[in-house]
Amino acid sequence: MQELLTAITYPIVWLICSYVLRIESGMAKLLISLTAAILVYVLVGMKRSHKEKKEDQDD
């Protein structure tokens, strides 16, 4: 699930940069898209870790 969300985030952010924000620089779109994808990966991992930690404390 985590990897799937990351893989979907990259092209969506790329398209947003291209058509909504009208960024023409390929390097800027690349950096923004990769940063967003990595951020999604980290946030989902943190949420999963917090959830597992909470479940361990409840047991």
Protein backbone atom coordinates (compact mmCIF):
# COMPACT_ATOMS: atom_id res chain seq x y z
CA MET A 1 0.00 0.00 0.00
CA GLN A 2 2.76 2.40 0.96
CA GLU A 3 4.70 1.83 -2.26
CA LEU A 4 1.55 2.08 -4.37
CA LEU A 5 0.65 5.47 -2.93
CA THR A 6 4.20 6.66 -3.54
CA ALA A 7 4.11 5.46 -7.15
CA ILE A 8 0.78 7.19 -7.75
CA THR A 9 1.86 10.42 -6.07
CA TYR A 10 4.81 11.02 -8.41
CA PRO A 11 2.93 11.31 -11.74
CA ILE A 12 0.00 13.16 -10.16
CA VAL A 13 2.28 15.84 -8.72
CA TRP A 14 4.18 15.98 -12.03
CA LEU A 15 0.91 16.70 -13.88
CA ILE A 16 -0.13 19.29 -11.29
CA CYS A 17 3.20 21.05 -11.75
CA SER A 18 2.85 20.95 -15.53
CA TYR A 19 -0.77 21.97 -16.03
CA VAL A 20 -1.94 23.71 -12.87
CA LEU A 21 1.21 25.50 -11.73
CA ARG A 22 2.60 25.86 -15.29
CA ILE A 23 6.15 24.98 -14.27
CA GLU A 24 8.19 24.49 -17.42
CA SER A 25 11.49 23.43 -15.88
CA GLY A 26 11.87 19.66 -15.99
CA MET A 27 14.35 19.72 -13.11
CA ALA A 28 11.94 21.67 -10.89
CA LYS A 29 9.07 19.28 -11.69
CA LEU A 30 11.34 16.32 -10.98
CA LEU A 31 12.47 17.66 -7.61
CA ILE A 32 8.95 18.65 -6.53
CA SER A 33 7.47 15.30 -7.63
CA LEU A 34 10.17 13.23 -5.97
CA THR A 35 9.94 15.26 -2.77
CA ALA A 36 6.17 14.75 -2.65
CA ALA A 37 6.51 11.01 -3.30
CA ILE A 38 9.16 10.62 -0.58
CA LEU A 39 7.04 12.67 1.82
CA VAL A 40 4.04 10.41 1.23
CA TYR A 41 6.23 7.33 1.79
CA VAL A 42 7.59 8.71 5.08
CA LEU A 43 4.23 9.90 6.38
CA VAL A 44 2.53 6.57 5.68
CA GLY A 45 5.44 4.76 7.35
CA MET A 46 5.20 6.99 10.41
CA LYS A 47 1.44 6.44 10.63
CA ARG A 48 1.88 2.67 10.35
CA SER A 49 4.62 2.68 12.99
CA HIS A 50 2.53 4.75 15.37
CA LYS A 51 -0.45 2.42 14.87
CA GLU A 52 1.64 -0.71 15.54
CA LYS A 53 3.21 0.88 18.60
CA LYS A 54 -0.23 1.77 19.96
CA GLU A 55 -1.51 -1.77 19.37
CA ASP A 56 1.50 -3.24 21.19
CA GLN A 57 0.83 -1.01 24.20
CA ASP A 58 -2.82 -2.06 24.31
CA ASP A 59 -1.91 -5.78 24.49
